[in-house]
N, C-alpha and C. Protein backbone atom coordinates (compact mmCIF):
# COMPACT_ATOMS: atom_id res chain seq x y z
N MET A 1 26.46 -13.26 -7.43
CA MET A 1 26.30 -12.10 -6.98
C MET A 1 26.04 -11.88 -5.53
N TYR A 2 26.64 -11.21 -4.68
CA TYR A 2 26.03 -11.28 -2.76
C TYR A 2 24.91 -10.31 -3.07
N LYS A 3 24.04 -11.14 -2.11
CA LYS A 3 22.61 -10.50 -2.05
C LYS A 3 22.41 -9.96 -0.30
N ASN A 4 22.48 -8.74 -0.03
CA ASN A 4 22.28 -8.39 1.14
C ASN A 4 21.16 -9.01 1.92
N SER A 5 21.78 -9.39 3.18
CA SER A 5 20.58 -10.24 3.94
C SER A 5 19.67 -8.82 4.38
N ASP A 6 17.98 -9.36 4.68
CA ASP A 6 17.24 -8.25 5.02
C ASP A 6 17.46 -7.96 6.20
N SER A 7 17.33 -6.56 6.48
CA SER A 7 17.12 -6.02 7.75
C SER A 7 15.97 -6.21 8.41
N ASP A 8 15.89 -6.01 9.68
CA ASP A 8 14.66 -5.95 10.67
C ASP A 8 13.60 -5.42 10.00
N GLY A 9 13.76 -4.13 9.49
CA GLY A 9 12.82 -3.35 9.06
C GLY A 9 12.46 -3.86 7.67
N GLU A 10 13.59 -4.56 6.53
CA GLU A 10 12.57 -5.25 5.67
C GLU A 10 12.01 -6.05 5.86
N GLU A 11 12.39 -7.18 6.95
CA GLU A 11 11.40 -8.54 7.35
C GLU A 11 10.37 -7.89 7.70
N LEU A 12 10.12 -6.96 8.48
CA LEU A 12 8.80 -6.72 8.64
C LEU A 12 7.79 -6.34 7.78
N ILE A 13 8.56 -5.27 6.61
CA ILE A 13 7.42 -5.04 5.72
C ILE A 13 7.27 -6.26 4.73
N LYS A 14 8.28 -7.24 4.75
CA LYS A 14 7.72 -8.39 3.85
C LYS A 14 6.53 -8.93 4.60
N GLU A 15 6.77 -9.18 5.80
CA GLU A 15 5.68 -9.70 6.59
C GLU A 15 4.28 -9.11 6.30
N PHE A 16 4.35 -7.68 6.25
CA PHE A 16 3.19 -7.14 6.30
C PHE A 16 2.60 -7.26 5.05
N LEU A 17 3.54 -7.22 4.07
CA LEU A 17 2.79 -7.32 2.47
C LEU A 17 2.52 -8.90 2.62
N GLU A 18 2.83 -9.81 2.79
CA GLU A 18 2.51 -11.24 2.99
C GLU A 18 1.02 -11.41 3.67
N GLU A 19 1.16 -10.63 4.80
CA GLU A 19 -0.10 -10.59 5.77
C GLU A 19 -1.40 -10.41 4.88
N LYS A 20 -0.98 -8.84 4.12
CA LYS A 20 -2.11 -8.08 3.41
C LYS A 20 -2.26 -8.72 1.96
N ASP A 21 -1.40 -9.96 1.58
CA ASP A 21 -1.50 -10.81 0.30
C ASP A 21 -1.06 -9.99 -0.83
N ILE A 22 -0.32 -8.87 -0.63
CA ILE A 22 0.00 -8.16 -1.53
C ILE A 22 1.44 -8.69 -2.13
N ARG A 23 1.49 -9.35 -3.31
CA ARG A 23 2.23 -9.82 -4.00
C ARG A 23 3.51 -8.59 -4.43
N PHE A 24 4.42 -9.61 -4.24
CA PHE A 24 6.21 -8.33 -4.32
C PHE A 24 7.12 -9.12 -4.62
N LYS A 25 7.88 -8.64 -5.31
CA LYS A 25 9.59 -8.95 -5.71
C LYS A 25 10.50 -8.18 -5.10
N ARG A 26 11.48 -8.80 -4.44
CA ARG A 26 12.68 -8.62 -3.53
C ARG A 26 13.44 -8.21 -4.65
N GLU A 27 14.38 -6.85 -4.17
CA GLU A 27 15.26 -6.66 -4.88
C GLU A 27 15.39 -6.46 -6.42
N LYS A 28 14.68 -5.87 -6.85
CA LYS A 28 13.92 -5.30 -7.85
C LYS A 28 15.08 -4.08 -8.72
N LYS A 29 15.57 -4.47 -9.63
CA LYS A 29 16.56 -3.73 -10.61
C LYS A 29 15.62 -2.53 -11.04
N VAL A 30 15.90 -1.00 -11.01
CA VAL A 30 15.53 -0.20 -11.78
C VAL A 30 16.61 0.29 -12.63
N THR A 31 16.28 0.19 -13.71
CA THR A 31 17.15 0.72 -14.87
C THR A 31 16.94 1.91 -15.82
N ASN A 32 18.06 2.33 -16.63
CA ASN A 32 17.76 3.43 -17.72
C ASN A 32 17.17 4.78 -16.91
N LEU A 33 17.98 4.88 -15.68
CA LEU A 33 17.48 6.37 -15.18
C LEU A 33 18.45 7.15 -15.63
N LYS A 34 17.51 8.31 -16.10
CA LYS A 34 18.02 9.36 -16.53
C LYS A 34 18.73 10.38 -15.42
N GLY A 35 20.22 10.88 -15.65
CA GLY A 35 20.67 11.48 -14.48
C GLY A 35 21.19 11.03 -13.38
N ASP A 36 21.26 9.78 -13.59
CA ASP A 36 22.20 9.20 -12.42
C ASP A 36 23.30 8.43 -12.82
N TYR A 37 24.62 8.52 -12.00
CA TYR A 37 25.88 7.98 -12.62
C TYR A 37 25.83 6.58 -12.30
N LYS A 38 24.60 5.76 -11.42
CA LYS A 38 24.81 4.29 -11.32
C LYS A 38 24.24 3.93 -12.47
N PRO A 39 24.55 2.46 -12.66
CA PRO A 39 23.65 1.73 -14.54
C PRO A 39 22.21 1.13 -13.94
N TYR A 40 22.19 1.12 -12.46
CA TYR A 40 21.36 0.73 -12.38
C TYR A 40 20.69 1.13 -10.69
N ARG A 41 19.61 1.06 -10.06
CA ARG A 41 19.51 1.30 -8.53
C ARG A 41 18.86 -0.07 -8.62
N THR A 42 18.83 -0.37 -6.78
CA THR A 42 18.08 -1.57 -6.67
C THR A 42 16.85 -1.31 -5.56
N ALA A 43 15.60 -1.53 -5.83
CA ALA A 43 14.30 -1.47 -4.96
C ALA A 43 14.30 -2.61 -3.97
N ASP A 44 14.00 -2.16 -2.86
CA ASP A 44 13.77 -3.12 -1.61
C ASP A 44 12.90 -4.07 -2.26
N PHE A 45 11.59 -3.46 -2.74
CA PHE A 45 10.65 -4.41 -3.09
C PHE A 45 10.01 -3.73 -4.50
N TYR A 46 8.99 -4.48 -5.07
CA TYR A 46 8.46 -4.07 -6.37
C TYR A 46 7.03 -4.89 -6.24
N LEU A 47 5.84 -4.01 -6.28
CA LEU A 47 4.74 -4.64 -6.13
C LEU A 47 4.31 -4.80 -7.35
N PRO A 48 4.08 -5.94 -8.17
CA PRO A 48 3.40 -5.81 -9.43
C PRO A 48 1.82 -5.32 -9.71
N GLN A 49 1.11 -5.74 -8.84
CA GLN A 49 -0.22 -5.56 -8.89
C GLN A 49 -0.37 -4.13 -8.99
N TYR A 50 0.32 -2.95 -8.38
CA TYR A 50 0.16 -1.82 -8.43
C TYR A 50 1.35 -0.89 -9.50
N GLY A 51 2.39 -1.67 -9.69
CA GLY A 51 3.02 -1.08 -10.54
C GLY A 51 4.42 0.04 -9.87
N VAL A 52 4.41 -0.34 -8.36
CA VAL A 52 4.94 0.66 -7.35
C VAL A 52 6.01 0.13 -6.93
N TYR A 53 7.20 0.90 -6.93
CA TYR A 53 8.49 0.10 -6.16
C TYR A 53 8.24 0.46 -4.27
N VAL A 54 9.03 0.01 -3.33
CA VAL A 54 8.66 0.47 -1.94
C VAL A 54 10.36 0.29 -1.45
N GLU A 55 10.59 1.61 -0.92
CA GLU A 55 12.18 1.86 -0.30
C GLU A 55 11.90 1.73 0.72
N PHE A 56 13.00 1.05 1.92
CA PHE A 56 12.99 1.05 3.26
C PHE A 56 14.56 1.75 3.62
N PHE A 57 14.27 3.02 3.89
CA PHE A 57 15.52 3.59 4.71
C PHE A 57 15.86 3.59 5.72
N GLY A 58 16.25 2.09 6.09
CA GLY A 58 16.91 2.04 7.15
C GLY A 58 17.89 2.41 8.23
N LEU A 59 18.54 3.23 7.78
CA LEU A 59 19.57 3.72 7.84
C LEU A 59 19.72 5.27 7.80
N TRP A 60 18.35 5.70 7.65
CA TRP A 60 17.88 7.04 7.98
C TRP A 60 18.89 8.07 8.86
N SER A 61 19.11 7.67 9.84
CA SER A 61 19.82 8.44 11.07
C SER A 61 20.98 8.56 10.90
N ILE A 62 21.79 8.01 9.90
CA ILE A 62 23.28 8.00 9.75
C ILE A 62 23.18 9.18 8.29
N GLU A 63 24.28 10.03 8.77
CA GLU A 63 24.49 11.29 7.64
C GLU A 63 25.04 10.82 6.38
N ARG A 64 26.01 9.89 6.27
CA ARG A 64 26.17 9.47 5.23
C ARG A 64 24.91 8.74 4.15
N SER A 65 24.11 7.78 5.06
CA SER A 65 23.19 7.13 4.20
C SER A 65 21.96 7.94 4.04
N ARG A 66 22.04 8.75 4.58
CA ARG A 66 20.59 10.03 4.60
C ARG A 66 21.17 10.70 3.17
N LYS A 67 22.22 10.84 2.76
CA LYS A 67 22.64 11.70 1.82
C LYS A 67 22.10 10.33 0.65
N ASP A 68 22.72 9.29 0.40
CA ASP A 68 22.54 8.54 -0.49
C ASP A 68 20.99 8.30 -0.84
N TYR A 69 20.13 8.35 0.61
CA TYR A 69 18.87 7.90 0.40
C TYR A 69 18.27 9.13 -0.40
N GLN A 70 18.61 10.15 -0.29
CA GLN A 70 18.14 11.57 -0.71
C GLN A 70 18.29 11.50 -2.19
N LYS A 71 19.67 11.35 -2.58
CA LYS A 71 20.09 10.87 -4.14
C LYS A 71 18.98 10.39 -4.42
N LYS A 72 18.64 8.65 -3.89
CA LYS A 72 18.07 7.90 -4.46
C LYS A 72 16.78 8.06 -4.80
N ARG A 73 16.15 9.06 -3.86
CA ARG A 73 14.54 9.55 -3.95
C ARG A 73 14.63 10.71 -4.96
N ASP A 74 15.74 11.35 -4.89
CA ASP A 74 15.86 12.31 -6.35
C ASP A 74 15.42 11.81 -7.61
N ILE A 75 16.45 11.01 -7.60
CA ILE A 75 16.36 10.21 -9.22
C ILE A 75 15.07 9.25 -9.36
N TYR A 76 14.60 8.61 -8.44
CA TYR A 76 13.20 8.28 -8.64
C TYR A 76 12.26 9.21 -9.19
N GLU A 77 12.10 10.44 -8.32
CA GLU A 77 11.28 11.33 -8.56
C GLU A 77 11.71 11.74 -9.88
N LYS A 78 12.82 12.48 -10.07
CA LYS A 78 13.52 12.72 -11.62
C LYS A 78 12.63 11.75 -12.56
N ASN A 79 12.87 10.76 -12.82
CA ASN A 79 12.58 9.56 -13.72
C ASN A 79 11.08 8.79 -13.47
N LYS A 80 10.17 9.67 -12.47
CA LYS A 80 8.67 9.56 -12.18
C LYS A 80 8.53 8.14 -12.17
N ILE A 81 9.43 7.59 -11.12
CA ILE A 81 9.31 6.29 -10.78
C ILE A 81 8.51 6.22 -9.36
N PRO A 82 7.08 5.80 -9.50
CA PRO A 82 6.09 5.49 -8.44
C PRO A 82 6.79 4.34 -7.63
N CYS A 83 7.03 5.36 -5.92
CA CYS A 83 7.83 4.56 -4.79
C CYS A 83 7.25 5.25 -3.87
N ILE A 84 7.34 4.04 -2.94
CA ILE A 84 6.86 4.45 -1.39
C ILE A 84 8.08 4.45 -0.92
N PHE A 85 8.36 5.43 -0.06
CA PHE A 85 9.26 5.76 0.95
C PHE A 85 9.22 5.25 2.27
N LEU A 86 9.81 4.48 2.80
CA LEU A 86 9.53 3.79 4.20
C LEU A 86 10.87 4.34 5.32
N TYR A 87 10.60 4.83 6.50
CA TYR A 87 11.54 4.98 7.60
C TYR A 87 11.76 4.25 8.90
N PRO A 88 12.59 3.98 9.39
CA PRO A 88 12.39 3.18 10.91
C PRO A 88 10.97 3.66 11.69
N ASP A 89 11.06 4.81 11.78
CA ASP A 89 9.80 5.57 12.53
C ASP A 89 8.57 5.13 11.97
N ASN A 90 8.57 4.78 10.60
CA ASN A 90 7.28 4.20 10.60
C ASN A 90 6.72 2.62 10.40
N LEU A 91 7.82 2.14 11.02
CA LEU A 91 7.46 0.57 10.98
C LEU A 91 6.36 0.58 12.10
N GLY A 92 5.98 1.17 13.42
CA GLY A 92 5.15 1.25 14.27
C GLY A 92 3.84 1.16 13.45
N ILE A 93 3.77 1.94 12.71
CA ILE A 93 2.37 2.31 12.15
C ILE A 93 2.33 1.80 10.68
N LEU A 94 3.00 1.10 10.43
CA LEU A 94 3.10 0.43 9.04
C LEU A 94 1.64 0.34 8.19
N ASN A 95 0.85 -0.45 9.20
CA ASN A 95 -0.52 -0.67 8.74
C ASN A 95 -1.44 0.74 8.33
N PHE A 96 -1.14 1.81 8.77
CA PHE A 96 -1.72 2.90 8.42
C PHE A 96 -0.78 3.82 7.44
N ILE A 97 0.34 3.92 7.37
CA ILE A 97 1.01 4.61 6.60
C ILE A 97 1.39 4.15 5.38
N PHE A 98 1.37 2.68 5.15
CA PHE A 98 1.83 2.24 4.14
C PHE A 98 0.74 2.16 3.01
N ILE A 99 -0.31 2.11 3.66
CA ILE A 99 -1.63 2.62 2.68
C ILE A 99 -1.94 3.79 2.25
N ARG A 100 -2.23 4.34 3.36
CA ARG A 100 -1.69 5.89 2.77
C ARG A 100 -0.95 6.67 1.99
N ARG A 101 0.32 5.95 2.02
CA ARG A 101 1.30 6.47 0.73
C ARG A 101 1.23 5.46 -0.22
N LEU A 102 0.66 4.27 -0.28
CA LEU A 102 0.47 3.53 -1.51
C LEU A 102 -0.82 4.46 -2.28
N LYS A 103 -1.76 5.10 -1.74
CA LYS A 103 -2.66 5.83 -2.16
C LYS A 103 -2.25 7.21 -2.87
N ASN A 104 -1.37 7.68 -2.03
CA ASN A 104 -0.83 9.18 -2.75
C ASN A 104 -0.05 8.78 -4.00
N VAL A 105 0.95 7.97 -3.75
CA VAL A 105 1.50 7.67 -5.00
C VAL A 105 0.71 7.00 -6.16
N LEU A 106 -0.38 6.25 -6.04
CA LEU A 106 -0.96 6.09 -7.13
C LEU A 106 -1.84 7.22 -7.63
N LYS A 107 -2.14 8.36 -6.83
CA LYS A 107 -2.86 9.22 -7.24
C LYS A 107 -2.09 10.39 -7.75
N LYS A 108 -0.59 10.37 -7.34
CA LYS A 108 0.37 11.25 -7.98
C LYS A 108 0.67 10.85 -9.20
N TYR A 109 1.08 9.56 -9.53
CA TYR A 109 1.16 9.16 -11.17
C TYR A 109 0.11 9.13 -11.86
N ASP A 110 -1.20 9.47 -11.34
CA ASP A 110 -2.52 9.03 -12.17
C ASP A 110 -2.78 7.86 -12.58
N MET A 111 -2.60 6.56 -11.55
CA MET A 111 -2.54 5.25 -11.61
C MET A 111 -3.92 4.85 -11.38
N LYS A 112 -4.94 5.19 -12.18
CA LYS A 112 -6.60 5.28 -11.57
C LYS A 112 -7.14 3.35 -11.62
N TRP A 113 -6.60 2.71 -12.24
CA TRP A 113 -6.97 0.75 -12.23
C TRP A 113 -6.33 0.54 -10.86
N GLN A 114 -5.07 0.92 -10.76
CA GLN A 114 -4.09 0.39 -9.57
C GLN A 114 -4.79 1.22 -8.14
N LEU A 115 -5.49 2.51 -8.04
CA LEU A 115 -6.19 3.26 -6.98
C LEU A 115 -6.95 2.28 -6.82
N PHE A 116 -8.07 1.83 -8.01
CA PHE A 116 -8.95 1.04 -7.80
C PHE A 116 -8.80 -0.32 -6.83
N LYS A 117 -7.62 -0.82 -7.43
CA LYS A 117 -7.56 -2.15 -6.51
C LYS A 117 -6.98 -1.73 -5.34
N CYS A 118 -6.60 -1.08 -4.93
CA CYS A 118 -6.10 -0.47 -3.53
C CYS A 118 -7.24 0.11 -2.80
N ASN A 119 -7.94 0.78 -3.34
CA ASN A 119 -9.49 0.73 -2.54
C ASN A 119 -10.20 -0.16 -2.03
N PHE A 120 -10.41 -1.25 -3.16
CA PHE A 120 -10.91 -2.31 -3.22
C PHE A 120 -10.13 -3.37 -1.75
N LEU A 121 -9.16 -3.05 -1.84
CA LEU A 121 -8.44 -3.94 -0.90
C LEU A 121 -8.71 -3.24 0.57
N ILE A 122 -8.88 -2.06 0.74
CA ILE A 122 -9.49 -1.32 1.91
C ILE A 122 -10.70 -1.84 2.02
N PHE A 123 -11.92 -1.78 1.20
CA PHE A 123 -13.13 -1.93 1.39
C PHE A 123 -13.22 -3.71 1.97
N GLN A 124 -12.30 -4.42 1.32
CA GLN A 124 -12.27 -5.72 1.67
C GLN A 124 -11.80 -6.01 3.28
N GLU A 125 -10.92 -5.32 3.70
CA GLU A 125 -10.75 -5.36 5.29
C GLU A 125 -11.68 -4.64 6.14
N LYS A 126 -12.16 -3.93 5.44
CA LYS A 126 -13.00 -2.96 6.58
C LYS A 126 -14.20 -3.42 6.52
N TYR A 127 -15.08 -3.48 5.32
CA TYR A 127 -16.37 -3.51 5.32
C TYR A 127 -17.04 -4.86 4.99
N LEU A 128 -16.41 -5.72 4.03
CA LEU A 128 -16.70 -7.20 3.40
C LEU A 128 -17.10 -8.10 4.70
N ILE A 129 -16.41 -8.19 5.76
CA ILE A 129 -16.90 -9.17 6.74
C ILE A 129 -18.35 -8.46 7.27
N GLY A 130 -18.48 -7.47 7.43
CA GLY A 130 -19.54 -6.91 8.22
C GLY A 130 -20.87 -7.08 7.33
N PHE A 131 -20.30 -6.67 6.10
CA PHE A 131 -21.33 -6.65 5.12
C PHE A 131 -22.32 -7.91 4.89
N VAL A 132 -21.05 -8.93 4.88
CA VAL A 132 -21.39 -10.32 4.60
C VAL A 132 -22.73 -10.77 5.57
N ILE A 133 -21.94 -10.55 6.83
CA ILE A 133 -22.78 -10.95 8.10
C ILE A 133 -24.57 -10.35 8.04
N LEU A 134 -24.14 -9.15 7.85
CA LEU A 134 -25.52 -8.41 7.74
C LEU A 134 -26.28 -9.03 6.77
N ILE A 135 -25.97 -9.02 5.40
CA ILE A 135 -26.99 -9.61 4.54
C ILE A 135 -27.55 -11.39 5.01
N VAL A 136 -26.84 -11.78 5.37
CA VAL A 136 -26.59 -13.45 6.36
C VAL A 136 -27.98 -13.19 7.31
N LEU A 137 -27.63 -12.36 8.15
CA LEU A 137 -28.54 -11.71 9.27
C LEU A 137 -29.99 -11.43 8.80
N THR A 138 -29.73 -10.55 8.04
CA THR A 138 -31.08 -9.80 7.19
C THR A 138 -32.09 -11.22 6.54
N THR A 139 -31.77 -12.10 6.30
CA THR A 139 -32.66 -13.05 5.11
C THR A 139 -33.46 -13.91 6.54
N TYR A 140 -32.67 -14.07 7.71
CA TYR A 140 -33.14 -15.15 8.60
C TYR A 140 -34.06 -14.19 9.34
N ILE A 141 -34.60 -12.96 9.31
CA ILE A 141 -34.97 -12.10 10.34
C ILE A 141 -36.73 -12.12 9.66
N GLU A 142 -37.65 -12.64 10.52
CA GLU A 142 -38.98 -12.31 10.03
C GLU A 142 -39.48 -11.32 10.34
N ASN A 143 -39.07 -10.56 11.48
CA ASN A 143 -39.82 -9.45 11.74
C ASN A 143 -39.49 -8.07 10.94
N MET A 144 -40.49 -7.59 10.11
CA MET A 144 -40.23 -6.49 9.19
C MET A 144 -39.72 -5.33 9.91
N TRP A 145 -39.89 -4.87 10.88
CA TRP A 145 -38.98 -3.62 11.63
C TRP A 145 -37.23 -4.02 11.72
N ALA A 146 -37.30 -5.19 12.30
CA ALA A 146 -36.01 -5.72 12.32
C ALA A 146 -35.24 -5.95 11.34
N ARG A 147 -35.83 -6.35 10.36
CA ARG A 147 -35.22 -6.47 8.78
C ARG A 147 -34.90 -5.23 8.28
N GLY A 148 -35.94 -4.09 8.48
CA GLY A 148 -35.82 -2.77 7.84
C GLY A 148 -34.48 -2.16 8.30
N ILE A 149 -34.37 -2.20 9.73
CA ILE A 149 -33.08 -1.72 10.52
C ILE A 149 -31.80 -2.20 10.08
N PHE A 150 -31.59 -3.45 9.63
CA PHE A 150 -30.90 -4.37 8.96
C PHE A 150 -30.28 -3.80 7.70
N ILE A 151 -31.48 -3.67 6.96
CA ILE A 151 -31.48 -2.89 5.82
C ILE A 151 -30.96 -1.76 5.48
N ILE A 152 -31.12 -0.95 6.44
CA ILE A 152 -30.54 0.23 6.68
C ILE A 152 -28.77 0.30 7.21
N LEU A 153 -28.68 -0.67 8.16
CA LEU A 153 -27.22 -0.72 8.04
C LEU A 153 -26.66 -1.22 6.88
N ILE A 154 -26.70 -2.04 6.00
CA ILE A 154 -26.48 -2.20 4.70
C ILE A 154 -26.05 -1.44 3.88
N LEU A 155 -27.33 -0.36 3.82
CA LEU A 155 -27.33 0.63 2.90
C LEU A 155 -26.33 1.55 3.51
N ASN A 156 -26.25 1.93 4.83
CA ASN A 156 -24.99 2.58 5.33
C ASN A 156 -23.66 2.25 5.10
N ILE A 157 -23.57 1.01 4.94
CA ILE A 157 -22.26 0.76 5.03
C ILE A 157 -21.73 0.82 3.40
N ILE A 158 -22.71 0.52 2.60
CA ILE A 158 -22.62 0.47 1.28
C ILE A 158 -22.37 2.03 0.82
N HIS A 159 -22.93 3.04 1.58
CA HIS A 159 -22.37 4.11 1.31
C HIS A 159 -21.46 4.74 1.97
N SER A 160 -20.91 4.22 2.99
CA SER A 160 -19.91 4.79 3.67
C SER A 160 -18.56 3.82 2.71
N SER A 161 -18.36 2.65 2.45
CA SER A 161 -17.64 2.16 1.60
C SER A 161 -17.38 2.64 0.43
N ILE A 162 -18.38 3.36 -0.27
CA ILE A 162 -18.45 3.73 -1.88
C ILE A 162 -17.59 5.06 -1.54
N LYS A 163 -18.08 5.54 -0.64
CA LYS A 163 -17.94 7.34 -0.45
C LYS A 163 -16.03 7.09 -0.16
N GLU A 164 -15.82 5.90 0.56
CA GLU A 164 -14.10 5.84 1.20
C GLU A 164 -13.63 5.68 -0.43
N ILE A 165 -14.26 4.61 -0.89
CA ILE A 165 -13.18 4.05 -2.35
C ILE A 165 -13.18 5.27 -3.06
N PHE A 166 -14.11 5.86 -3.50
CA PHE A 166 -14.24 6.73 -4.79
C PHE A 166 -14.10 8.11 -4.60
N LEU A 167 -14.20 8.60 -3.33
CA LEU A 167 -14.20 9.91 -3.36
C LEU A 167 -13.21 10.45 -2.49
N LYS A 168 -12.32 9.64 -1.94
CA LYS A 168 -11.16 9.83 -1.40
C LYS A 168 -9.90 10.17 -1.94
């Protein structure tokens, strides 16, 4: 069977997922879709750790392609298929938009465990290194005032991260 070569956009998404250490499968078949005239659809990516598909609508600016994409999106929605839809203008802000859309999809389909994993990924990226450095520094500071300030900073990081992970 002939496999389409990756578009530049799909290649960027692939590199992004690899950089974030998010496991994925390429060209994943989605079968048994109600109300579809096709026996299956092929998603650009599947993220097994989240149970979410990713579709890149690279030819969105072309009228015919846009209609096909809208049909595909409608079929996924009708079948409650958790999917992140990305467009060419999203590629420049992929780090921001991808995580945001992933969280929205996980919330929409009430996928709490996967949302926790996503939030932990955000925690690791934003806070973990600073948190570890502060703990190490705190253990080597003998001045009680300075140690107290570092402990307050650590508590602030913990508070901020918990708020972001569990309350957003």
